[in-house]
């Protein structure tokens, strides 16, 4: 990766790109044609860039758009501008969004937890929309700092992130066939976990457990399952746990107590109640169907 510049402030990032600092907590830098690698320890960043390869090195697939690419990074994560024909980077310190509507709901923007190659790939019109939001922040920065600055800047950032949520949802749709294949691998990983008897410990596999083997981030895995199945990872694993229980119930040599223990339920009654909640039948009723 080469040399990575470490900084902790918006001012430090501005200096790296030769930009004037107009607000200590927010900045927009132009990185057109610049080969930089930096980490800002205290700031979130949103980079929108166009690349000669259409963003393929950032995870673009054949089913994705290729006009521009957006990447969202948490504080301390590396931002790379290598090979970008055009690039704009929005930086903001958590303090600017503190106690604002954006700050209170910021946790729902889970794409800040995605890996670098799980970027968002935009169409021409999506890129235009995102650019308008970034330009809105730049316009406010040119105005100077006053009592309205925080609200107006946060409004532009919030609009950008809300549109990004919409565009990521669209990307999950256009990746449906690819996602279906990944879900099959998730199912296999859960089945192997159950078959190995690891469920007996009472600990179910989490997104963090499965993500490394699937070569995706835990945040992306959880969002993919939510978009494709309507379930978060914990709920999806629970449904697969019950699917395993159904298979085990077909083996009449196993009692419900043995199945309950094998699948890590705290008691047989807990297993019976959970099974009925999901299927509408008691385990023994299901065995007889």
C-alpha atoms as a PDB file:
ATOM      1  CA  UNK A   1       0.000   0.000   0.000  1.00  0.00           C
ATOM      2  CA  UNK A   2       2.992   2.284   0.488  1.00  0.00           C
ATOM      3  CA  UNK A   3       3.267   5.222   2.872  1.00  0.00           C
ATOM      4  CA  UNK A   4       0.091   6.177   4.758  1.00  0.00           C
ATOM      5  CA  UNK A   5      -0.224   9.684   6.171  1.00  0.00           C
ATOM      6  CA  UNK A   6      -1.654   9.752   9.690  1.00  0.00           C
ATOM      7  CA  UNK A   7      -3.703  12.720  10.862  1.00  0.00           C
ATOM      8  CA  UNK A   8      -6.426  13.298  13.398  1.00  0.00           C
ATOM      9  CA  UNK A   9      -8.101  16.497  12.248  1.00  0.00           C
ATOM     10  CA  UNK A  10      -9.969  18.005   9.336  1.00  0.00           C
ATOM     11  CA  UNK A  11      -7.228  20.630   9.175  1.00  0.00           C
ATOM     12  CA  UNK A  12      -4.581  17.947   8.765  1.00  0.00           C
ATOM     13  CA  UNK A  13      -6.504  16.358   5.874  1.00  0.00           C
ATOM     14  CA  UNK A  14      -6.987  19.757   4.243  1.00  0.00           C
ATOM     15  CA  UNK A  15      -3.228  20.411   4.437  1.00  0.00           C
ATOM     16  CA  UNK A  16      -2.534  17.038   2.808  1.00  0.00           C
ATOM     17  CA  UNK A  17      -4.509  18.120  -0.252  1.00  0.00           C
ATOM     18  CA  UNK A  18      -3.586  21.808  -0.190  1.00  0.00           C
ATOM     19  CA  UNK A  19      -7.076  22.926   0.813  1.00  0.00           C
ATOM     20  CA  UNK A  20      -7.999  25.873   3.020  1.00  0.00           C
ATOM     21  CA  UNK A  21      -9.679  25.028   6.322  1.00  0.00           C
ATOM     22  CA  UNK A  22     -13.003  26.863   6.503  1.00  0.00           C
ATOM     23  CA  UNK A  23     -14.472  24.878   9.415  1.00  0.00           C
ATOM     24  CA  UNK A  24     -12.498  22.919  12.038  1.00  0.00           C
ATOM     25  CA  UNK A  25     -14.949  20.010  12.045  1.00  0.00           C
ATOM     26  CA  UNK A  26     -15.947  19.669   8.366  1.00  0.00           C
ATOM     27  CA  UNK A  27     -14.073  19.743   5.093  1.00  0.00           C
ATOM     28  CA  UNK A  28     -14.422  18.831   1.426  1.00  0.00           C
ATOM     29  CA  UNK A  29     -11.153  18.176  -0.408  1.00  0.00           C
ATOM     30  CA  UNK A  30     -10.532  17.741  -4.121  1.00  0.00           C
ATOM     31  CA  UNK A  31      -8.263  14.765  -4.811  1.00  0.00           C
ATOM     32  CA  UNK A  32      -8.437  14.731  -8.617  1.00  0.00           C
ATOM     33  CA  UNK A  33      -5.456  12.854 -10.025  1.00  0.00           C
ATOM     34  CA  UNK A  34      -3.709  12.674  -6.640  1.00  0.00           C
ATOM     35  CA  UNK A  35      -2.227   9.421  -5.382  1.00  0.00           C
ATOM     36  CA  UNK A  36      -2.760   9.625  -1.638  1.00  0.00           C
ATOM     37  CA  UNK A  37      -3.268   7.224   1.249  1.00  0.00           C
ATOM     38  CA  UNK A  38      -4.259   8.651   4.619  1.00  0.00           C
ATOM     39  CA  UNK A  39      -5.988   7.858   7.870  1.00  0.00           C
ATOM     40  CA  UNK A  40      -7.875  10.466   9.853  1.00  0.00           C
ATOM     41  CA  UNK A  41      -8.122   9.141  13.376  1.00  0.00           C
ATOM     42  CA  UNK A  42     -11.052  11.313  14.483  1.00  0.00           C
ATOM     43  CA  UNK A  43     -13.146  11.843  11.332  1.00  0.00           C
ATOM     44  CA  UNK A  44     -15.637   9.993   9.175  1.00  0.00           C
ATOM     45  CA  UNK A  45     -15.052  10.253   5.448  1.00  0.00           C
ATOM     46  CA  UNK A  46     -17.140   9.859   2.314  1.00  0.00           C
ATOM     47  CA  UNK A  47     -15.230   9.642  -0.953  1.00  0.00           C
ATOM     48  CA  UNK A  48     -16.919   9.909  -4.335  1.00  0.00           C
ATOM     49  CA  UNK A  49     -14.585   9.146  -7.211  1.00  0.00           C
ATOM     50  CA  UNK A  50     -14.397   7.957 -10.786  1.00  0.00           C
ATOM     51  CA  UNK A  51     -11.781   5.399 -11.804  1.00  0.00           C
ATOM     52  CA  UNK A  52     -10.479   4.102 -15.145  1.00  0.00           C
ATOM     53  CA  UNK A  53     -11.587   0.588 -14.144  1.00  0.00           C
ATOM     54  CA  UNK A  54     -15.023   1.835 -13.076  1.00  0.00           C
ATOM     55  CA  UNK A  55     -14.301   0.972  -9.448  1.00  0.00           C
ATOM     56  CA  UNK A  56     -13.630  -2.720 -10.054  1.00  0.00           C
ATOM     57  CA  UNK A  57     -10.796  -2.664  -7.491  1.00  0.00           C
ATOM     58  CA  UNK A  58     -13.383  -1.466  -4.940  1.00  0.00           C
ATOM     59  CA  UNK A  59     -15.677  -4.422  -5.536  1.00  0.00           C
ATOM     60  CA  UNK A  60     -17.673  -3.384  -8.611  1.00  0.00           C
ATOM     61  CA  UNK A  61     -19.372  -6.375 -10.233  1.00  0.00           C
ATOM     62  CA  UNK A  62     -20.713  -6.840 -13.732  1.00  0.00           C
ATOM     63  CA  UNK A  63     -24.229  -6.182 -12.409  1.00  0.00           C
ATOM     64  CA  UNK A  64     -23.224  -2.780 -10.949  1.00  0.00           C
ATOM     65  CA  UNK A  65     -23.188   0.726 -12.380  1.00  0.00           C
ATOM     66  CA  UNK A  66     -19.768   2.184 -13.134  1.00  0.00           C
ATOM     67  CA  UNK A  67     -20.134   5.958 -13.527  1.00  0.00           C
ATOM     68  CA  UNK A  68     -18.763   6.737 -10.038  1.00  0.00           C
ATOM     69  CA  UNK A  69     -17.964   4.984  -6.775  1.00  0.00           C
ATOM     70  CA  UNK A  70     -18.610   6.002  -3.174  1.00  0.00           C
ATOM     71  CA  UNK A  71     -16.704   4.700  -0.189  1.00  0.00           C
ATOM     72  CA  UNK A  72     -17.613   5.306   3.450  1.00  0.00           C
ATOM     73  CA  UNK A  73     -14.928   5.086   6.135  1.00  0.00           C
ATOM     74  CA  UNK A  74     -15.012   5.240   9.910  1.00  0.00           C
ATOM     75  CA  UNK A  75     -12.390   7.206  11.879  1.00  0.00           C
ATOM     76  CA  UNK A  76      -9.003   5.533  11.640  1.00  0.00           C
ATOM     77  CA  UNK A  77      -9.726   3.669   8.400  1.00  0.00           C
ATOM     78  CA  UNK A  78      -7.493   4.179   5.381  1.00  0.00           C
ATOM     79  CA  UNK A  79      -8.713   6.332   2.484  1.00  0.00           C
ATOM     80  CA  UNK A  80      -7.066   5.718  -0.908  1.00  0.00           C
ATOM     81  CA  UNK A  81      -7.283   8.037  -3.902  1.00  0.00           C
ATOM     82  CA  UNK A  82      -4.886   6.051  -6.132  1.00  0.00           C
ATOM     83  CA  UNK A  83      -5.849   5.972  -9.840  1.00  0.00           C
ATOM     84  CA  UNK A  84      -8.865   8.256  -9.332  1.00  0.00           C
ATOM     85  CA  UNK A  85      -9.561  10.496 -12.328  1.00  0.00           C
ATOM     86  CA  UNK A  86     -11.821  12.648 -10.152  1.00  0.00           C
ATOM     87  CA  UNK A  87     -12.318  12.448  -6.419  1.00  0.00           C
ATOM     88  CA  UNK A  88     -14.037  14.513  -3.752  1.00  0.00           C
ATOM     89  CA  UNK A  89     -13.721  13.587  -0.083  1.00  0.00           C
ATOM     90  CA  UNK A  90     -16.136  14.826   2.570  1.00  0.00           C
ATOM     91  CA  UNK A  91     -14.683  14.718   6.089  1.00  0.00           C
ATOM     92  CA  UNK A  92     -16.609  15.378   9.266  1.00  0.00           C
ATOM     93  CA  UNK A  93     -15.813  15.059  12.946  1.00  0.00           C
ATOM     94  CA  UNK A  94     -18.418  13.327  15.180  1.00  0.00           C
ATOM     95  CA  UNK A  95     -18.749  16.539  17.189  1.00  0.00           C
ATOM     96  CA  UNK A  96     -20.426  18.337  14.251  1.00  0.00           C
ATOM     97  CA  UNK A  97     -23.321  15.864  14.293  1.00  0.00           C
ATOM     98  CA  UNK A  98     -23.521  15.473  18.071  1.00  0.00           C
ATOM     99  CA  UNK A  99     -27.036  16.077  19.479  1.00  0.00           C
ATOM    100  CA  UNK A 100     -28.475  16.662  16.002  1.00  0.00           C
ATOM    101  CA  UNK A 101     -31.136  14.511  14.307  1.00  0.00           C
ATOM    102  CA  UNK A 102     -28.335  13.090  12.126  1.00  0.00           C
ATOM    103  CA  UNK A 103     -26.218  12.218  15.138  1.00  0.00           C
ATOM    104  CA  UNK A 104     -29.081  10.562  16.991  1.00  0.00           C
ATOM    105  CA  UNK A 105     -29.873   8.315  14.006  1.00  0.00           C
ATOM    106  CA  UNK A 106     -26.324   7.901  12.717  1.00  0.00           C
ATOM    107  CA  UNK A 107     -26.085   4.235  13.744  1.00  0.00           C
ATOM    108  CA  UNK A 108     -28.494   3.197  10.991  1.00  0.00           C
ATOM    109  CA  UNK A 109     -25.921   4.145   8.351  1.00  0.00           C
ATOM    110  CA  UNK A 110     -24.241   0.766   8.684  1.00  0.00           C
ATOM    111  CA  UNK A 111     -22.280   1.118   5.441  1.00  0.00           C
ATOM    112  CA  UNK A 112     -19.594   2.989   7.385  1.00  0.00           C
ATOM    113  CA  UNK A 113     -18.721  -0.476   8.707  1.00  0.00           C
ATOM    114  CA  UNK A 114     -18.324  -2.030   5.259  1.00  0.00           C
ATOM    115  CA  UNK A 115     -14.962  -3.199   3.930  1.00  0.00           C
ATOM    116  CA  UNK A 116     -13.122  -1.146   1.325  1.00  0.00           C
ATOM    117  CA  UNK A 117     -14.189  -3.453  -1.511  1.00  0.00           C
ATOM    118  CA  UNK A 118     -17.890  -3.212  -0.551  1.00  0.00           C
ATOM    119  CA  UNK A 119     -18.204   0.266  -2.030  1.00  0.00           C
ATOM    120  CA  UNK A 120     -21.294   1.804  -3.621  1.00  0.00           C
ATOM    121  CA  UNK A 121     -21.289   2.041  -7.427  1.00  0.00           C
ATOM    122  CA  UNK A 122     -23.403   4.788  -8.941  1.00  0.00           C
ATOM    123  CA  UNK A 123     -25.252   5.565 -12.146  1.00  0.00           C
ATOM    124  CA  UNK A 124     -24.864   8.973 -13.772  1.00  0.00           C
ATOM    125  CA  UNK A 125     -28.045  10.344 -12.158  1.00  0.00           C
ATOM    126  CA  UNK A 126     -27.177   8.900  -8.728  1.00  0.00           C
ATOM    127  CA  UNK A 127     -23.743  10.515  -8.943  1.00  0.00           C
ATOM    128  CA  UNK A 128     -25.366  13.857  -9.840  1.00  0.00           C
ATOM    129  CA  UNK A 129     -27.576  13.619  -6.757  1.00  0.00           C
ATOM    130  CA  UNK A 130     -24.661  12.784  -4.464  1.00  0.00           C
ATOM    131  CA  UNK A 131     -22.574  15.586  -5.961  1.00  0.00           C
ATOM    132  CA  UNK A 132     -25.324  18.126  -5.238  1.00  0.00           C
ATOM    133  CA  UNK A 133     -25.227  17.156  -1.570  1.00  0.00           C
ATOM    134  CA  UNK A 134     -21.434  17.477  -1.418  1.00  0.00           C
ATOM    135  CA  UNK A 135     -21.647  20.814  -3.232  1.00  0.00           C
ATOM    136  CA  UNK A 136     -24.190  21.918  -0.625  1.00  0.00           C
ATOM    137  CA  UNK A 137     -21.632  21.314   2.119  1.00  0.00           C
ATOM    138  CA  UNK A 138     -18.966  23.190   0.110  1.00  0.00           C
ATOM    139  CA  UNK A 139     -21.323  26.123  -0.352  1.00  0.00           C
ATOM    140  CA  UNK A 140     -21.982  26.335   3.375  1.00  0.00           C
ATOM    141  CA  UNK A 141     -18.252  26.176   4.112  1.00  0.00           C
ATOM    142  CA  UNK A 142     -17.678  29.143   1.790  1.00  0.00           C
ATOM    143  CA  UNK A 143     -20.351  31.097   3.689  1.00  0.00           C
ATOM    144  CA  UNK A 144     -18.334  30.985   6.906  1.00  0.00           C
ATOM    145  CA  UNK A 145     -19.193  29.818  10.426  1.00  0.00           C
ATOM    146  CA  UNK A 146     -22.238  31.231  12.190  1.00  0.00           C
ATOM    147  CA  UNK A 147     -25.086  29.975  14.393  1.00  0.00           C
ATOM    148  CA  UNK A 148     -26.801  28.357  11.381  1.00  0.00           C
ATOM    149  CA  UNK A 149     -23.746  26.503  10.056  1.00  0.00           C
ATOM    150  CA  UNK A 150     -24.066  23.274  12.047  1.00  0.00           C
ATOM    151  CA  UNK A 151     -27.732  22.762  11.191  1.00  0.00           C
ATOM    152  CA  UNK A 152     -27.343  23.500   7.490  1.00  0.00           C
ATOM    153  CA  UNK A 153     -24.152  21.457   7.071  1.00  0.00           C
ATOM    154  CA  UNK A 154     -25.681  18.501   8.914  1.00  0.00           C
ATOM    155  CA  UNK A 155     -28.782  18.740   6.717  1.00  0.00           C
ATOM    156  CA  UNK A 156     -26.634  18.335   3.606  1.00  0.00           C
ATOM    157  CA  UNK A 157     -24.654  15.437   5.123  1.00  0.00           C
ATOM    158  CA  UNK A 158     -27.857  13.746   6.294  1.00  0.00           C
ATOM    159  CA  UNK A 159     -29.397  14.074   2.819  1.00  0.00           C
ATOM    160  CA  UNK A 160     -26.259  12.576   1.273  1.00  0.00           C
ATOM    161  CA  UNK A 161     -26.321   9.597   3.647  1.00  0.00           C
ATOM    162  CA  UNK A 162     -30.055   9.050   3.157  1.00  0.00           C
ATOM    163  CA  UNK A 163     -29.575   8.961  -0.603  1.00  0.00           C
ATOM    164  CA  UNK A 164     -26.666   6.594  -0.084  1.00  0.00           C
ATOM    165  CA  UNK A 165     -28.982   4.259   1.854  1.00  0.00           C
ATOM    166  CA  UNK A 166     -31.378   4.340  -1.116  1.00  0.00           C
ATOM    167  CA  UNK A 167     -28.588   3.671  -3.616  1.00  0.00           C
ATOM    168  CA  UNK A 168     -27.171   0.774  -1.565  1.00  0.00           C
ATOM    169  CA  UNK A 169     -30.675  -0.733  -1.393  1.00  0.00           C
ATOM    170  CA  UNK A 170     -30.818  -0.485  -5.189  1.00  0.00           C
ATOM    171  CA  UNK A 171     -27.385  -2.114  -5.437  1.00  0.00           C
ATOM    172  CA  UNK A 172     -28.569  -5.048  -3.327  1.00  0.00           C
ATOM    173  CA  UNK A 173     -31.462  -5.442  -5.782  1.00  0.00           C
ATOM    174  CA  UNK A 174     -29.243  -5.428  -8.868  1.00  0.00           C
ATOM    175  CA  UNK A 175     -26.942  -7.917  -7.115  1.00  0.00           C
ATOM    176  CA  UNK A 176     -29.780 -10.321  -6.315  1.00  0.00           C
ATOM    177  CA  UNK A 177     -28.336 -13.287  -8.212  1.00  0.00           C
ATOM    178  CA  UNK A 178     -24.918 -12.798  -6.636  1.00  0.00           C
ATOM    179  CA  UNK A 179     -26.513 -12.376  -3.215  1.00  0.00           C
ATOM    180  CA  UNK A 180     -28.494 -15.597  -3.620  1.00  0.00           C
ATOM    181  CA  UNK A 181     -25.254 -17.487  -4.152  1.00  0.00           C
ATOM    182  CA  UNK A 182     -23.761 -15.869  -1.038  1.00  0.00           C
ATOM    183  CA  UNK A 183     -26.825 -16.776   1.037  1.00  0.00           C
ATOM    184  CA  UNK A 184     -26.355 -20.395  -0.041  1.00  0.00           C
ATOM    185  CA  UNK A 185     -22.842 -20.189   1.397  1.00  0.00           C
ATOM    186  CA  UNK A 186     -24.240 -18.669   4.594  1.00  0.00           C
ATOM    187  CA  UNK A 187     -26.730 -21.545   4.877  1.00  0.00           C
ATOM    188  CA  UNK A 188     -23.889 -24.019   4.396  1.00  0.00           C
ATOM    189  CA  UNK A 189     -21.810 -22.351   7.109  1.00  0.00           C
ATOM    190  CA  UNK A 190     -24.733 -22.499   9.556  1.00  0.00           C
ATOM    191  CA  UNK A 191     -25.471 -26.146   8.663  1.00  0.00           C
ATOM    192  CA  UNK A 192     -21.823 -27.077   9.233  1.00  0.00           C
ATOM    193  CA  UNK A 193     -21.887 -25.287  12.582  1.00  0.00           C
ATOM    194  CA  UNK A 194     -24.945 -27.286  13.644  1.00  0.00           C
ATOM    195  CA  UNK A 195     -23.607 -30.581  12.263  1.00  0.00           C
ATOM    196  CA  UNK A 196     -20.367 -30.136  14.191  1.00  0.00           C
ATOM    197  CA  UNK A 197     -22.361 -30.008  17.432  1.00  0.00           C
ATOM    198  CA  UNK A 198     -21.186 -26.504  18.266  1.00  0.00           C
ATOM    199  CA  UNK A 199     -24.761 -25.338  18.883  1.00  0.00           C
ATOM    200  CA  UNK A 200     -24.820 -27.453  22.051  1.00  0.00           C
ATOM    201  CA  UNK A 201     -22.792 -24.742  23.773  1.00  0.00           C
ATOM    202  CA  UNK A 202     -25.805 -22.446  23.442  1.00  0.00           C
ATOM    203  CA  UNK A 203     -23.826 -19.987  21.321  1.00  0.00           C
ATOM    204  CA  UNK A 204     -25.071 -19.420  17.788  1.00  0.00           C
ATOM    205  CA  UNK A 205     -22.865 -18.167  14.930  1.00  0.00           C
ATOM    206  CA  UNK A 206     -22.931 -14.402  14.500  1.00  0.00           C
ATOM    207  CA  UNK A 207     -22.214 -12.180  11.513  1.00  0.00           C
ATOM    208  CA  UNK A 208     -18.782 -11.539  13.028  1.00  0.00           C
ATOM    209  CA  UNK A 209     -18.144 -15.314  13.213  1.00  0.00           C
ATOM    210  CA  UNK A 210     -19.166 -16.069   9.629  1.00  0.00           C
ATOM    211  CA  UNK A 211     -17.933 -12.964   7.806  1.00  0.00           C
ATOM    212  CA  UNK A 212     -14.209 -13.880   7.567  1.00  0.00           C
ATOM    213  CA  UNK A 213     -14.945 -17.262   5.967  1.00  0.00           C
ATOM    214  CA  UNK A 214     -17.324 -15.616   3.500  1.00  0.00           C
ATOM    215  CA  UNK A 215     -14.820 -12.815   2.750  1.00  0.00           C
ATOM    216  CA  UNK A 216     -17.277 -10.014   3.544  1.00  0.00           C
ATOM    217  CA  UNK A 217     -17.588  -7.595   6.453  1.00  0.00           C
ATOM    218  CA  UNK A 218     -19.985  -8.390   9.270  1.00  0.00           C
ATOM    219  CA  UNK A 219     -21.928  -5.169   8.591  1.00  0.00           C
ATOM    220  CA  UNK A 220     -22.343  -6.026   4.902  1.00  0.00           C
ATOM    221  CA  UNK A 221     -23.375  -9.606   5.716  1.00  0.00           C
ATOM    222  CA  UNK A 222     -26.061  -8.457   8.132  1.00  0.00           C
ATOM    223  CA  UNK A 223     -27.410  -5.857   5.675  1.00  0.00           C
ATOM    224  CA  UNK A 224     -27.389  -8.326   2.787  1.00  0.00           C
ATOM    225  CA  UNK A 225     -29.487 -10.810   4.789  1.00  0.00           C
ATOM    226  CA  UNK A 226     -31.863  -8.053   5.842  1.00  0.00           C
ATOM    227  CA  UNK A 227     -32.383  -6.900   2.245  1.00  0.00           C
ATOM    228  CA  UNK A 228     -32.734 -10.418   0.823  1.00  0.00           C
ATOM    229  CA  UNK A 229     -34.676 -12.176   3.590  1.00  0.00           C
ATOM    230  CA  UNK A 230     -36.084  -9.434   5.812  1.00  0.00           C
ATOM    231  CA  UNK A 231     -34.154 -10.922   8.754  1.00  0.00           C
ATOM    232  CA  UNK A 232     -31.096  -9.803  10.670  1.00  0.00           C
ATOM    233  CA  UNK A 233     -28.366 -12.413  11.096  1.00  0.00           C
ATOM    234  CA  UNK A 234     -29.465 -13.529  14.582  1.00  0.00           C
ATOM    235  CA  UNK A 235     -33.048 -14.101  13.422  1.00  0.00           C
ATOM    236  CA  UNK A 236     -31.900 -15.852  10.259  1.00  0.00           C
ATOM    237  CA  UNK A 237     -29.678 -18.204  12.277  1.00  0.00           C
ATOM    238  CA  UNK A 238     -32.601 -18.925  14.618  1.00  0.00           C
ATOM    239  CA  UNK A 239     -34.750 -19.981  11.651  1.00  0.00           C
ATOM    240  CA  UNK A 240     -31.980 -22.292  10.485  1.00  0.00           C
ATOM    241  CA  UNK A 241     -31.741 -23.669  14.029  1.00  0.00           C
ATOM    242  CA  UNK A 242     -35.409 -24.613  13.810  1.00  0.00           C
ATOM    243  CA  UNK A 243     -34.858 -26.098  10.345  1.00  0.00           C
ATOM    244  CA  UNK A 244     -32.212 -28.346  11.900  1.00  0.00           C
ATOM    245  CA  UNK A 245     -34.634 -29.233  14.699  1.00  0.00           C
ATOM    246  CA  UNK A 246     -37.244 -30.305  12.123  1.00  0.00           C
ATOM    247  CA  UNK A 247     -34.728 -32.640  10.513  1.00  0.00           C
ATOM    248  CA  UNK A 248     -33.758 -34.083  13.896  1.00  0.00           C
ATOM    249  CA  UNK A 249     -37.397 -34.645  14.823  1.00  0.00           C
ATOM    250  CA  UNK A 250     -37.718 -36.976  11.849  1.00  0.00           C
ATOM    251  CA  UNK A 251     -35.221 -39.250  13.622  1.00  0.00           C
ATOM    252  CA  UNK A 252     -37.594 -40.995  16.028  1.00  0.00           C
ATOM    253  CA  UNK A 253     -34.645 -42.244  18.059  1.00  0.00           C
ATOM    254  CA  UNK A 254     -34.086 -38.746  19.445  1.00  0.00           C
ATOM    255  CA  UNK A 255     -36.183 -37.322  22.254  1.00  0.00           C
ATOM    256  CA  UNK A 256     -37.115 -33.647  22.342  1.00  0.00           C
ATOM    257  CA  UNK A 257     -34.878 -33.314  25.395  1.00  0.00           C
ATOM    258  CA  UNK A 258     -31.902 -34.628  23.397  1.00  0.00           C
ATOM    259  CA  UNK A 259     -32.673 -32.337  20.480  1.00  0.00           C
ATOM    260  CA  UNK A 260     -33.045 -29.399  22.827  1.00  0.00           C
ATOM    261  CA  UNK A 261     -29.633 -30.083  24.371  1.00  0.00           C
ATOM    262  CA  UNK A 262     -27.960 -30.649  21.000  1.00  0.00           C
ATOM    263  CA  UNK A 263     -29.214 -27.286  19.710  1.00  0.00           C
ATOM    264  CA  UNK A 264     -28.176 -25.379  22.817  1.00  0.00           C
ATOM    265  CA  UNK A 265     -31.565 -24.509  24.305  1.00  0.00           C
ATOM    266  CA  UNK A 266     -31.527 -23.833  28.035  1.00  0.00           C
ATOM    267  CA  UNK A 267     -34.280 -26.372  28.649  1.00  0.00           C
ATOM    268  CA  UNK A 268     -36.701 -28.682  26.881  1.00  0.00           C
ATOM    269  CA  UNK A 269     -39.618 -26.387  27.702  1.00  0.00           C
ATOM    270  CA  UNK A 270     -37.740 -23.433  26.182  1.00  0.00           C
ATOM    271  CA  UNK A 271     -37.152 -25.454  23.022  1.00  0.00           C
ATOM    272  CA  UNK A 272     -40.825 -26.488  22.853  1.00  0.00           C
ATOM    273  CA  UNK A 273     -42.028 -22.899  23.278  1.00  0.00           C
ATOM    274  CA  UNK A 274     -39.612 -21.513  20.679  1.00  0.00           C
ATOM    275  CA  UNK A 275     -40.411 -24.272  18.185  1.00  0.00           C
ATOM    276  CA  UNK A 276     -44.143 -23.618  18.531  1.00  0.00           C
ATOM    277  CA  UNK A 277     -43.637 -19.870  18.178  1.00  0.00           C
ATOM    278  CA  UNK A 278     -41.870 -20.375  14.839  1.00  0.00           C
ATOM    279  CA  UNK A 279     -43.831 -23.297  13.375  1.00  0.00           C
ATOM    280  CA  UNK A 280     -47.194 -23.133  15.136  1.00  0.00           C
ATOM    281  CA  UNK A 281     -46.784 -26.728  16.379  1.00  0.00           C
ATOM    282  CA  UNK A 282     -45.317 -28.449  19.406  1.00  0.00           C
ATOM    283  CA  UNK A 283     -42.234 -30.542  18.464  1.00  0.00           C
ATOM    284  CA  UNK A 284     -44.044 -33.830  19.046  1.00  0.00           C
ATOM    285  CA  UNK A 285     -47.010 -32.626  17.013  1.00  0.00           C
ATOM    286  CA  UNK A 286     -44.669 -31.789  14.158  1.00  0.00           C
ATOM    287  CA  UNK A 287     -43.034 -35.225  14.410  1.00  0.00           C
ATOM    288  CA  UNK A 288     -46.425 -36.850  13.809  1.00  0.00           C
ATOM    289  CA  UNK A 289     -47.322 -34.773  10.732  1.00  0.00           C
END
